[in-house]
Every structure is written in structure tokens, then in C-alpha cells.
Amino acid sequence: QRGDRGEFFTPHPLLTLMVEMIDPGDAEMFLDPACGSGGFL
């Protein structure tokens, strides 16, 4: 996917940082509205 669509990818350390800080629970509806390759999900 290199090139024009590169902004869809979030490096792994940042995924970890954001998930740990937002702390998803098991009964919470969770969305990524620009999910790219699905890293956050």
C-alpha cells in the first residue's frame, strides 16, 4: 500500500499507546471510522 494511501497505517507502538489509554471494556461498542488495515480493531 506504499504511496498515496500511506496515511491509513498507524505504527504498532502508537496502537498500543492509544488502546491502553482508552482502556476498552468488554461491553463497549468500539469503532474505527477510518480503519485502514485494521490495526486499532
PDB file of all heavy atoms in Angstrom:
ATOM      1  N   GLN A   1       0.795  -1.228   0.000  1.00  0.00           N
ATOM      2  CA  GLN A   1       0.000   0.000   0.000  1.00  0.00           C
ATOM      3  C   GLN A   1       0.830   1.282   0.000  1.00  0.00           C
ATOM      4  O   GLN A   1       0.284   2.346   0.138  1.00  0.00           O
ATOM      5  CB  GLN A   1      -0.913   0.035   1.231  1.00  0.00           C
ATOM      6  CG  GLN A   1      -1.915  -1.095   1.281  1.00  0.00           C
ATOM      7  CD  GLN A   1      -3.044  -0.924   0.281  1.00  0.00           C
ATOM      8  OE1 GLN A   1      -3.101   0.055  -0.440  1.00  0.00           O
ATOM      9  NE2 GLN A   1      -3.920  -1.891   0.222  1.00  0.00           N
ATOM     10  N   ARG A   2       2.161   1.170  -0.064  1.00  0.00           N
ATOM     11  CA  ARG A   2       3.007   2.369  -0.065  1.00  0.00           C
ATOM     12  C   ARG A   2       2.484   3.414  -1.032  1.00  0.00           C
ATOM     13  O   ARG A   2       1.979   3.086  -2.084  1.00  0.00           O
ATOM     14  CB  ARG A   2       4.417   2.004  -0.552  1.00  0.00           C
ATOM     15  CG  ARG A   2       5.397   1.693   0.495  1.00  0.00           C
ATOM     16  CD  ARG A   2       5.799   2.911   1.304  1.00  0.00           C
ATOM     17  NE  ARG A   2       6.288   2.488   2.581  1.00  0.00           N
ATOM     18  CZ  ARG A   2       7.341   1.701   2.756  1.00  0.00           C
ATOM     19  NH1 ARG A   2       8.015   1.246   1.734  1.00  0.00           N
ATOM     20  NH2 ARG A   2       7.718   1.374   3.960  1.00  0.00           N
ATOM     21  N   GLY A   3       2.685   4.657  -0.668  1.00  0.00           N
ATOM     22  CA  GLY A   3       2.300   5.697  -1.622  1.00  0.00           C
ATOM     23  C   GLY A   3       1.110   6.475  -1.134  1.00  0.00           C
ATOM     24  O   GLY A   3       0.982   6.783   0.032  1.00  0.00           O
ATOM     25  N   ASP A   4       0.207   6.769  -2.063  1.00  0.00           N
ATOM     26  CA  ASP A   4      -0.884   7.704  -1.779  1.00  0.00           C
ATOM     27  C   ASP A   4      -1.696   7.354  -0.544  1.00  0.00           C
ATOM     28  O   ASP A   4      -2.220   8.212   0.118  1.00  0.00           O
ATOM     29  CB  ASP A   4      -1.876   7.736  -2.953  1.00  0.00           C
ATOM     30  CG  ASP A   4      -1.202   8.178  -4.219  1.00  0.00           C
ATOM     31  OD1 ASP A   4      -0.067   8.700  -4.089  1.00  0.00           O
ATOM     32  OD2 ASP A   4      -1.764   8.003  -5.298  1.00  0.00           O
ATOM     33  N   ARG A   5      -1.823   6.042  -0.273  1.00  0.00           N
ATOM     34  CA  ARG A   5      -2.764   5.681   0.780  1.00  0.00           C
ATOM     35  C   ARG A   5      -2.051   5.447   2.106  1.00  0.00           C
ATOM     36  O   ARG A   5      -2.602   4.864   3.024  1.00  0.00           O
ATOM     37  CB  ARG A   5      -3.535   4.435   0.358  1.00  0.00           C
ATOM     38  CG  ARG A   5      -4.267   4.672  -0.969  1.00  0.00           C
ATOM     39  CD  ARG A   5      -5.454   3.774  -1.091  1.00  0.00           C
ATOM     40  NE  ARG A   5      -5.068   2.390  -1.241  1.00  0.00           N
ATOM     41  CZ  ARG A   5      -5.238   1.688  -2.339  1.00  0.00           C
ATOM     42  NH1 ARG A   5      -5.759   2.245  -3.404  1.00  0.00           N
ATOM     43  NH2 ARG A   5      -4.902   0.430  -2.388  1.00  0.00           N
ATOM     44  N   GLY A   6      -0.808   5.880   2.194  1.00  0.00           N
ATOM     45  CA  GLY A   6       0.012   5.597   3.374  1.00  0.00           C
ATOM     46  C   GLY A   6      -0.577   6.063   4.680  1.00  0.00           C
ATOM     47  O   GLY A   6      -0.296   5.494   5.726  1.00  0.00           O
ATOM     48  N   GLU A   7      -1.422   7.096   4.632  1.00  0.00           N
ATOM     49  CA  GLU A   7      -1.911   7.632   5.909  1.00  0.00           C
ATOM     50  C   GLU A   7      -2.859   6.693   6.627  1.00  0.00           C
ATOM     51  O   GLU A   7      -3.327   6.984   7.697  1.00  0.00           O
ATOM     52  CB  GLU A   7      -2.556   9.005   5.729  1.00  0.00           C
ATOM     53  CG  GLU A   7      -3.810   9.030   4.873  1.00  0.00           C
ATOM     54  CD  GLU A   7      -3.515   9.143   3.400  1.00  0.00           C
ATOM     55  OE1 GLU A   7      -3.354  10.261   2.895  1.00  0.00           O
ATOM     56  OE2 GLU A   7      -3.452   8.110   2.723  1.00  0.00           O
ATOM     57  N   PHE A   8      -3.131   5.541   6.030  1.00  0.00           N
ATOM     58  CA  PHE A   8      -4.028   4.599   6.696  1.00  0.00           C
ATOM     59  C   PHE A   8      -3.329   3.752   7.743  1.00  0.00           C
ATOM     60  O   PHE A   8      -3.956   2.957   8.403  1.00  0.00           O
ATOM     61  CB  PHE A   8      -4.658   3.644   5.676  1.00  0.00           C
ATOM     62  CG  PHE A   8      -5.651   4.320   4.799  1.00  0.00           C
ATOM     63  CD1 PHE A   8      -5.256   4.869   3.598  1.00  0.00           C
ATOM     64  CD2 PHE A   8      -6.968   4.441   5.187  1.00  0.00           C
ATOM     65  CE1 PHE A   8      -6.172   5.504   2.770  1.00  0.00           C
ATOM     66  CE2 PHE A   8      -7.895   5.064   4.369  1.00  0.00           C
ATOM     67  CZ  PHE A   8      -7.480   5.599   3.164  1.00  0.00           C
ATOM     68  N   PHE A   9      -2.022   3.862   7.862  1.00  0.00           N
ATOM     69  CA  PHE A   9      -1.337   2.934   8.749  1.00  0.00           C
ATOM     70  C   PHE A   9      -0.773   3.602   9.982  1.00  0.00           C
ATOM     71  O   PHE A   9      -0.137   4.630   9.906  1.00  0.00           O
ATOM     72  CB  PHE A   9      -0.251   2.195   7.973  1.00  0.00           C
ATOM     73  CG  PHE A   9      -0.848   1.469   6.823  1.00  0.00           C
ATOM     74  CD1 PHE A   9      -0.708   1.911   5.529  1.00  0.00           C
ATOM     75  CD2 PHE A   9      -1.658   0.372   7.060  1.00  0.00           C
ATOM     76  CE1 PHE A   9      -1.326   1.269   4.482  1.00  0.00           C
ATOM     77  CE2 PHE A   9      -2.286  -0.281   6.016  1.00  0.00           C
ATOM     78  CZ  PHE A   9      -2.114   0.158   4.730  1.00  0.00           C
ATOM     79  N   THR A  10      -1.026   2.982  11.098  1.00  0.00           N
ATOM     80  CA  THR A  10      -0.563   3.519  12.374  1.00  0.00           C
ATOM     81  C   THR A  10       0.443   2.532  12.939  1.00  0.00           C
ATOM     82  O   THR A  10       0.119   1.363  13.112  1.00  0.00           O
ATOM     83  CB  THR A  10      -1.763   3.653  13.335  1.00  0.00           C
ATOM     84  OG1 THR A  10      -2.806   4.344  12.645  1.00  0.00           O
ATOM     85  CG2 THR A  10      -1.382   4.403  14.583  1.00  0.00           C
ATOM     86  N   PRO A  11       1.666   2.986  13.202  1.00  0.00           N
ATOM     87  CA  PRO A  11       2.692   2.072  13.719  1.00  0.00           C
ATOM     88  C   PRO A  11       2.267   1.412  15.037  1.00  0.00           C
ATOM     89  O   PRO A  11       1.539   2.004  15.837  1.00  0.00           O
ATOM     90  CB  PRO A  11       3.900   2.987  13.935  1.00  0.00           C
ATOM     91  CG  PRO A  11       3.660   4.157  13.037  1.00  0.00           C
ATOM     92  CD  PRO A  11       2.178   4.341  12.991  1.00  0.00           C
ATOM     93  N   HIS A  12       2.737   0.177  15.232  1.00  0.00           N
ATOM     94  CA  HIS A  12       2.296  -0.633  16.357  1.00  0.00           C
ATOM     95  C   HIS A  12       2.426   0.032  17.735  1.00  0.00           C
ATOM     96  O   HIS A  12       1.500  -0.039  18.553  1.00  0.00           O
ATOM     97  CB  HIS A  12       3.008  -1.983  16.334  1.00  0.00           C
ATOM     98  CG  HIS A  12       2.157  -3.040  16.928  1.00  0.00           C
ATOM     99  ND1 HIS A  12       2.251  -3.391  18.256  1.00  0.00           N
ATOM    100  CD2 HIS A  12       1.144  -3.783  16.417  1.00  0.00           C
ATOM    101  CE1 HIS A  12       1.352  -4.318  18.522  1.00  0.00           C
ATOM    102  NE2 HIS A  12       0.668  -4.579  17.427  1.00  0.00           N
ATOM    103  N   PRO A  13       3.565   0.697  18.042  1.00  0.00           N
ATOM    104  CA  PRO A  13       3.680   1.311  19.381  1.00  0.00           C
ATOM    105  C   PRO A  13       2.569   2.330  19.669  1.00  0.00           C
ATOM    106  O   PRO A  13       2.119   2.459  20.808  1.00  0.00           O
ATOM    107  CB  PRO A  13       5.052   2.003  19.339  1.00  0.00           C
ATOM    108  CG  PRO A  13       5.805   1.301  18.264  1.00  0.00           C
ATOM    109  CD  PRO A  13       4.801   0.864  17.250  1.00  0.00           C
ATOM    110  N   LEU A  14       2.114   3.027  18.623  1.00  0.00           N
ATOM    111  CA  LEU A  14       1.053   4.029  18.833  1.00  0.00           C
ATOM    112  C   LEU A  14      -0.293   3.356  19.043  1.00  0.00           C
ATOM    113  O   LEU A  14      -1.129   3.841  19.813  1.00  0.00           O
ATOM    114  CB  LEU A  14       0.950   4.974  17.633  1.00  0.00           C
ATOM    115  CG  LEU A  14       2.178   5.820  17.353  1.00  0.00           C
ATOM    116  CD1 LEU A  14       1.870   6.844  16.285  1.00  0.00           C
ATOM    117  CD2 LEU A  14       2.672   6.509  18.610  1.00  0.00           C
ATOM    118  N   LEU A  15      -0.505   2.231  18.366  1.00  0.00           N
ATOM    119  CA  LEU A  15      -1.754   1.478  18.575  1.00  0.00           C
ATOM    120  C   LEU A  15      -1.830   1.075  20.043  1.00  0.00           C
ATOM    121  O   LEU A  15      -2.846   1.249  20.709  1.00  0.00           O
ATOM    122  CB  LEU A  15      -1.775   0.214  17.699  1.00  0.00           C
ATOM    123  CG  LEU A  15      -1.740   0.408  16.178  1.00  0.00           C
ATOM    124  CD1 LEU A  15      -1.611  -0.932  15.462  1.00  0.00           C
ATOM    125  CD2 LEU A  15      -2.990   1.138  15.685  1.00  0.00           C
ATOM    126  N   THR A  16      -0.710   0.558  20.558  1.00  0.00           N
ATOM    127  CA  THR A  16      -0.665   0.120  21.959  1.00  0.00           C
ATOM    128  C   THR A  16      -0.936   1.289  22.898  1.00  0.00           C
ATOM    129  O   THR A  16      -1.737   1.182  23.829  1.00  0.00           O
ATOM    130  CB  THR A  16       0.726  -0.489  22.263  1.00  0.00           C
ATOM    131  OG1 THR A  16       0.986  -1.497  21.301  1.00  0.00           O
ATOM    132  CG2 THR A  16       0.787  -1.073  23.659  1.00  0.00           C
ATOM    133  N   LEU A  17      -0.266   2.403  22.638  1.00  0.00           N
ATOM    134  CA  LEU A  17      -0.423   3.600  23.487  1.00  0.00           C
ATOM    135  C   LEU A  17      -1.895   4.010  23.563  1.00  0.00           C
ATOM    136  O   LEU A  17      -2.456   4.213  24.644  1.00  0.00           O
ATOM    137  CB  LEU A  17       0.406   4.749  22.904  1.00  0.00           C
ATOM    138  CG  LEU A  17       0.193   6.122  23.548  1.00  0.00           C
ATOM    139  CD1 LEU A  17       0.885   6.195  24.909  1.00  0.00           C
ATOM    140  CD2 LEU A  17       0.716   7.251  22.672  1.00  0.00           C
ATOM    141  N   MET A  18      -2.544   4.098  22.401  1.00  0.00           N
ATOM    142  CA  MET A  18      -3.912   4.614  22.372  1.00  0.00           C
ATOM    143  C   MET A  18      -4.913   3.619  22.956  1.00  0.00           C
ATOM    144  O   MET A  18      -5.833   4.002  23.677  1.00  0.00           O
ATOM    145  CB  MET A  18      -4.282   5.030  20.947  1.00  0.00           C
ATOM    146  CG  MET A  18      -3.511   6.279  20.508  1.00  0.00           C
ATOM    147  SD  MET A  18      -3.725   6.692  18.753  1.00  0.00           S
ATOM    148  CE  MET A  18      -5.439   7.218  18.698  1.00  0.00           C
ATOM    149  N   VAL A  19      -4.715   2.331  22.673  1.00  0.00           N
ATOM    150  CA  VAL A  19      -5.635   1.315  23.216  1.00  0.00           C
ATOM    151  C   VAL A  19      -5.512   1.265  24.737  1.00  0.00           C
ATOM    152  O   VAL A  19      -6.508   1.251  25.462  1.00  0.00           O
ATOM    153  CB  VAL A  19      -5.368  -0.070  22.573  1.00  0.00           C
ATOM    154  CG1 VAL A  19      -6.057  -1.176  23.360  1.00  0.00           C
ATOM    155  CG2 VAL A  19      -5.848  -0.079  21.124  1.00  0.00           C
ATOM    156  N   GLU A  20      -4.280   1.263  25.241  1.00  0.00           N
ATOM    157  CA  GLU A  20      -4.084   1.168  26.704  1.00  0.00           C
ATOM    158  C   GLU A  20      -4.653   2.404  27.407  1.00  0.00           C
ATOM    159  O   GLU A  20      -5.226   2.305  28.488  1.00  0.00           O
ATOM    160  CB  GLU A  20      -2.586   1.027  27.026  1.00  0.00           C
ATOM    161  CG  GLU A  20      -1.993  -0.245  26.463  1.00  0.00           C
ATOM    162  CD  GLU A  20      -1.710  -1.295  27.524  1.00  0.00           C
ATOM    163  OE1 GLU A  20      -1.775  -0.983  28.715  1.00  0.00           O
ATOM    164  OE2 GLU A  20      -1.427  -2.445  27.124  1.00  0.00           O
ATOM    165  N   MET A  21      -4.503   3.569  26.794  1.00  0.00           N
ATOM    166  CA  MET A  21      -5.005   4.784  27.442  1.00  0.00           C
ATOM    167  C   MET A  21      -6.532   4.860  27.413  1.00  0.00           C
ATOM    168  O   MET A  21      -7.156   5.310  28.362  1.00  0.00           O
ATOM    169  CB  MET A  21      -4.381   6.040  26.814  1.00  0.00           C
ATOM    170  CG  MET A  21      -2.956   6.287  27.313  1.00  0.00           C
ATOM    171  SD  MET A  21      -2.145   7.723  26.552  1.00  0.00           S
ATOM    172  CE  MET A  21      -3.072   9.093  27.233  1.00  0.00           C
ATOM    173  N   ILE A  22      -7.148   4.388  26.332  1.00  0.00           N
ATOM    174  CA  ILE A  22      -8.607   4.489  26.221  1.00  0.00           C
ATOM    175  C   ILE A  22      -9.286   3.327  26.947  1.00  0.00           C
ATOM    176  O   ILE A  22     -10.452   3.396  27.292  1.00  0.00           O
ATOM    177  CB  ILE A  22      -9.046   4.593  24.728  1.00  0.00           C
ATOM    178  CG1 ILE A  22     -10.187   5.599  24.569  1.00  0.00           C
ATOM    179  CG2 ILE A  22      -9.495   3.264  24.158  1.00  0.00           C
ATOM    180  CD1 ILE A  22      -9.800   7.018  24.462  1.00  0.00           C
ATOM    181  N   ASP A  23      -8.550   2.228  27.186  1.00  0.00           N
ATOM    182  CA  ASP A  23      -8.971   1.107  28.038  1.00  0.00           C
ATOM    183  C   ASP A  23     -10.338   0.518  27.663  1.00  0.00           C
ATOM    184  O   ASP A  23     -11.303   0.613  28.430  1.00  0.00           O
ATOM    185  CB  ASP A  23      -8.972   1.574  29.501  1.00  0.00           C
ATOM    186  CG  ASP A  23      -9.322   0.446  30.461  1.00  0.00           C
ATOM    187  OD1 ASP A  23      -8.993  -0.711  30.163  1.00  0.00           O
ATOM    188  OD2 ASP A  23      -9.943   0.722  31.506  1.00  0.00           O
ATOM    189  N   PRO A  24     -10.444  -0.135  26.476  1.00  0.00           N
ATOM    190  CA  PRO A  24     -11.731  -0.706  26.074  1.00  0.00           C
ATOM    191  C   PRO A  24     -12.252  -1.742  27.069  1.00  0.00           C
ATOM    192  O   PRO A  24     -11.463  -2.527  27.606  1.00  0.00           O
ATOM    193  CB  PRO A  24     -11.421  -1.391  24.735  1.00  0.00           C
ATOM    194  CG  PRO A  24     -10.147  -0.787  24.262  1.00  0.00           C
ATOM    195  CD  PRO A  24      -9.389  -0.380  25.485  1.00  0.00           C
ATOM    196  N   GLY A  25     -13.567  -1.736  27.288  1.00  0.00           N
ATOM    197  CA  GLY A  25     -14.204  -2.741  28.143  1.00  0.00           C
ATOM    198  C   GLY A  25     -14.924  -3.768  27.279  1.00  0.00           C
ATOM    199  O   GLY A  25     -15.165  -3.539  26.097  1.00  0.00           O
ATOM    200  N   ASP A  26     -15.323  -4.888  27.885  1.00  0.00           N
ATOM    201  CA  ASP A  26     -15.891  -5.983  27.088  1.00  0.00           C
ATOM    202  C   ASP A  26     -17.350  -5.771  26.710  1.00  0.00           C
ATOM    203  O   ASP A  26     -17.924  -6.562  25.979  1.00  0.00           O
ATOM    204  CB  ASP A  26     -15.733  -7.319  27.826  1.00  0.00           C
ATOM    205  CG  ASP A  26     -16.577  -7.369  29.088  1.00  0.00           C
ATOM    206  OD1 ASP A  26     -16.868  -6.290  29.643  1.00  0.00           O
ATOM    207  OD2 ASP A  26     -16.961  -8.468  29.509  1.00  0.00           O
ATOM    208  N   ALA A  27     -17.969  -4.695  27.207  1.00  0.00           N
ATOM    209  CA  ALA A  27     -19.373  -4.455  26.832  1.00  0.00           C
ATOM    210  C   ALA A  27     -19.499  -3.100  26.153  1.00  0.00           C
ATOM    211  O   ALA A  27     -20.551  -2.486  26.164  1.00  0.00           O
ATOM    212  CB  ALA A  27     -20.252  -4.511  28.074  1.00  0.00           C
ATOM    213  N   GLU A  28     -18.390  -2.635  25.567  1.00  0.00           N
ATOM    214  CA  GLU A  28     -18.409  -1.306  24.934  1.00  0.00           C
ATOM    215  C   GLU A  28     -18.321  -1.435  23.417  1.00  0.00           C
ATOM    216  O   GLU A  28     -17.451  -2.124  22.893  1.00  0.00           O
ATOM    217  CB  GLU A  28     -17.230  -0.470  25.454  1.00  0.00           C
ATOM    218  CG  GLU A  28     -17.380  -0.137  26.922  1.00  0.00           C
ATOM    219  CD  GLU A  28     -16.299   0.815  27.421  1.00  0.00           C
ATOM    220  OE1 GLU A  28     -15.109   0.506  27.286  1.00  0.00           O
ATOM    221  OE2 GLU A  28     -16.664   1.884  27.942  1.00  0.00           O
ATOM    222  N   MET A  29     -19.231  -0.765  22.726  1.00  0.00           N
ATOM    223  CA  MET A  29     -19.202  -0.739  21.266  1.00  0.00           C
ATOM    224  C   MET A  29     -17.996   0.089  20.830  1.00  0.00           C
ATOM    225  O   MET A  29     -17.828   1.231  21.235  1.00  0.00           O
ATOM    226  CB  MET A  29     -20.485  -0.108  20.712  1.00  0.00           C
ATOM    227  CG  MET A  29     -21.710  -0.988  20.835  1.00  0.00           C
ATOM    228  SD  MET A  29     -21.580  -2.556  19.921  1.00  0.00           S
ATOM    229  CE  MET A  29     -21.609  -2.015  18.212  1.00  0.00           C
ATOM    230  N   PHE A  30     -17.180  -0.518  19.958  1.00  0.00           N
ATOM    231  CA  PHE A  30     -15.876   0.047  19.619  1.00  0.00           C
ATOM    232  C   PHE A  30     -15.791   0.247  18.098  1.00  0.00           C
ATOM    233  O   PHE A  30     -16.049  -0.687  17.340  1.00  0.00           O
ATOM    234  CB  PHE A  30     -14.831  -0.954  20.130  1.00  0.00           C
ATOM    235  CG  PHE A  30     -13.398  -0.682  19.784  1.00  0.00           C
ATOM    236  CD1 PHE A  30     -12.963   0.579  19.419  1.00  0.00           C
ATOM    237  CD2 PHE A  30     -12.464  -1.713  19.845  1.00  0.00           C
ATOM    238  CE1 PHE A  30     -11.631   0.812  19.114  1.00  0.00           C
ATOM    239  CE2 PHE A  30     -11.131  -1.498  19.549  1.00  0.00           C
ATOM    240  CZ  PHE A  30     -10.708  -0.232  19.176  1.00  0.00           C
ATOM    241  N   LEU A  31     -15.423   1.438  17.669  1.00  0.00           N
ATOM    242  CA  LEU A  31     -15.404   1.762  16.232  1.00  0.00           C
ATOM    243  C   LEU A  31     -14.088   2.421  15.822  1.00  0.00           C
ATOM    244  O   LEU A  31     -13.522   3.220  16.572  1.00  0.00           O
ATOM    245  CB  LEU A  31     -16.544   2.753  15.917  1.00  0.00           C
ATOM    246  CG  LEU A  31     -16.550   3.393  14.516  1.00  0.00           C
ATOM    247  CD1 LEU A  31     -16.978   2.390  13.452  1.00  0.00           C
ATOM    248  CD2 LEU A  31     -17.482   4.622  14.462  1.00  0.00           C
ATOM    249  N   ASP A  32     -13.628   2.089  14.616  1.00  0.00           N
ATOM    250  CA  ASP A  32     -12.632   2.912  13.932  1.00  0.00           C
ATOM    251  C   ASP A  32     -13.251   3.292  12.593  1.00  0.00           C
ATOM    252  O   ASP A  32     -13.439   2.445  11.719  1.00  0.00           O
ATOM    253  CB  ASP A  32     -11.323   2.150  13.713  1.00  0.00           C
ATOM    254  CG  ASP A  32     -10.274   3.016  13.001  1.00  0.00           C
ATOM    255  OD1 ASP A  32     -10.636   4.115  12.510  1.00  0.00           O
ATOM    256  OD2 ASP A  32      -9.105   2.603  12.920  1.00  0.00           O
ATOM    257  N   PRO A  33     -13.604   4.585  12.422  1.00  0.00           N
ATOM    258  CA  PRO A  33     -14.299   5.004  11.194  1.00  0.00           C
ATOM    259  C   PRO A  33     -13.370   5.237  10.006  1.00  0.00           C
ATOM    260  O   PRO A  33     -13.826   5.602   8.933  1.00  0.00           O
ATOM    261  CB  PRO A  33     -14.979   6.309  11.619  1.00  0.00           C
ATOM    262  CG  PRO A  33     -14.131   6.841  12.729  1.00  0.00           C
ATOM    263  CD  PRO A  33     -13.491   5.673  13.405  1.00  0.00           C
ATOM    264  N   ALA A  34     -12.045   5.037  10.202  1.00  0.00           N
ATOM    265  CA  ALA A  34     -11.091   5.111   9.081  1.00  0.00           C
ATOM    266  C   ALA A  34     -10.095   3.981   9.309  1.00  0.00           C
ATOM    267  O   ALA A  34      -8.929   4.195   9.577  1.00  0.00           O
ATOM    268  CB  ALA A  34     -10.387   6.477   9.079  1.00  0.00           C
ATOM    269  N   CYS A  35     -10.600   2.724   9.226  1.00  0.00           N
ATOM    270  CA  CYS A  35      -9.860   1.622   9.850  1.00  0.00           C
ATOM    271  C   CYS A  35      -8.658   1.111   9.077  1.00  0.00           C
ATOM    272  O   CYS A  35      -7.865   0.343   9.611  1.00  0.00           O
ATOM    273  CB  CYS A  35     -10.799   0.477  10.216  1.00  0.00           C
ATOM    274  SG  CYS A  35     -11.507  -0.374   8.789  1.00  0.00           S
ATOM    275  N   GLY A  36      -8.481   1.533   7.813  1.00  0.00           N
ATOM    276  CA  GLY A  36      -7.278   1.109   7.094  1.00  0.00           C
ATOM    277  C   GLY A  36      -7.106  -0.393   7.149  1.00  0.00           C
ATOM    278  O   GLY A  36      -8.010  -1.153   6.838  1.00  0.00           O
ATOM    279  N   SER A  37      -5.931  -0.843   7.611  1.00  0.00           N
ATOM    280  CA  SER A  37      -5.690  -2.290   7.641  1.00  0.00           C
ATOM    281  C   SER A  37      -6.137  -2.919   8.952  1.00  0.00           C
ATOM    282  O   SER A  37      -5.840  -4.070   9.232  1.00  0.00           O
ATOM    283  CB  SER A  37      -4.214  -2.576   7.404  1.00  0.00           C
ATOM    284  OG  SER A  37      -3.455  -2.077   8.489  1.00  0.00           O
ATOM    285  N   GLY A  38      -6.851  -2.155   9.798  1.00  0.00           N
ATOM    286  CA  GLY A  38      -7.470  -2.750  10.982  1.00  0.00           C
ATOM    287  C   GLY A  38      -6.605  -2.774  12.233  1.00  0.00           C
ATOM    288  O   GLY A  38      -6.901  -3.494  13.183  1.00  0.00           O
ATOM    289  N   GLY A  39      -5.537  -1.987  12.254  1.00  0.00           N
ATOM    290  CA  GLY A  39      -4.615  -2.002  13.401  1.00  0.00           C
ATOM    291  C   GLY A  39      -5.277  -1.731  14.746  1.00  0.00           C
ATOM    292  O   GLY A  39      -5.045  -2.451  15.721  1.00  0.00           O
ATOM    293  N   PHE A  40      -6.123  -0.683  14.819  1.00  0.00           N
ATOM    294  CA  PHE A  40      -6.780  -0.357  16.100  1.00  0.00           C
ATOM    295  C   PHE A  40      -7.759  -1.453  16.507  1.00  0.00           C
ATOM    296  O   PHE A  40      -7.882  -1.793  17.682  1.00  0.00           O
ATOM    297  CB  PHE A  40      -7.541   0.970  16.011  1.00  0.00           C
ATOM    298  CG  PHE A  40      -6.645   2.168  16.113  1.00  0.00           C
ATOM    299  CD1 PHE A  40      -6.515   3.046  15.044  1.00  0.00           C
ATOM    300  CD2 PHE A  40      -5.927   2.426  17.277  1.00  0.00           C
ATOM    301  CE1 PHE A  40      -5.680   4.157  15.131  1.00  0.00           C
ATOM    302  CE2 PHE A  40      -5.096   3.534  17.375  1.00  0.00           C
ATOM    303  CZ  PHE A  40      -4.964   4.394  16.295  1.00  0.00           C
ATOM    304  N   LEU A  41      -8.481  -1.995  15.518  1.00  0.00           N
ATOM    305  CA  LEU A  41      -9.500  -3.004  15.824  1.00  0.00           C
ATOM    306  C   LEU A  41      -8.851  -4.263  16.396  1.00  0.00           C
ATOM    307  O   LEU A  41      -9.294  -4.820  17.392  1.00  0.00           O
ATOM    308  CB  LEU A  41     -10.303  -3.343  14.562  1.00  0.00           C
ATOM    309  CG  LEU A  41     -10.973  -2.149  13.860  1.00  0.00           C
ATOM    310  CD1 LEU A  41     -11.707  -2.603  12.614  1.00  0.00           C
ATOM    311  CD2 LEU A  41     -11.936  -1.426  14.805  1.00  0.00           C
TER     312      LEU A  41
END
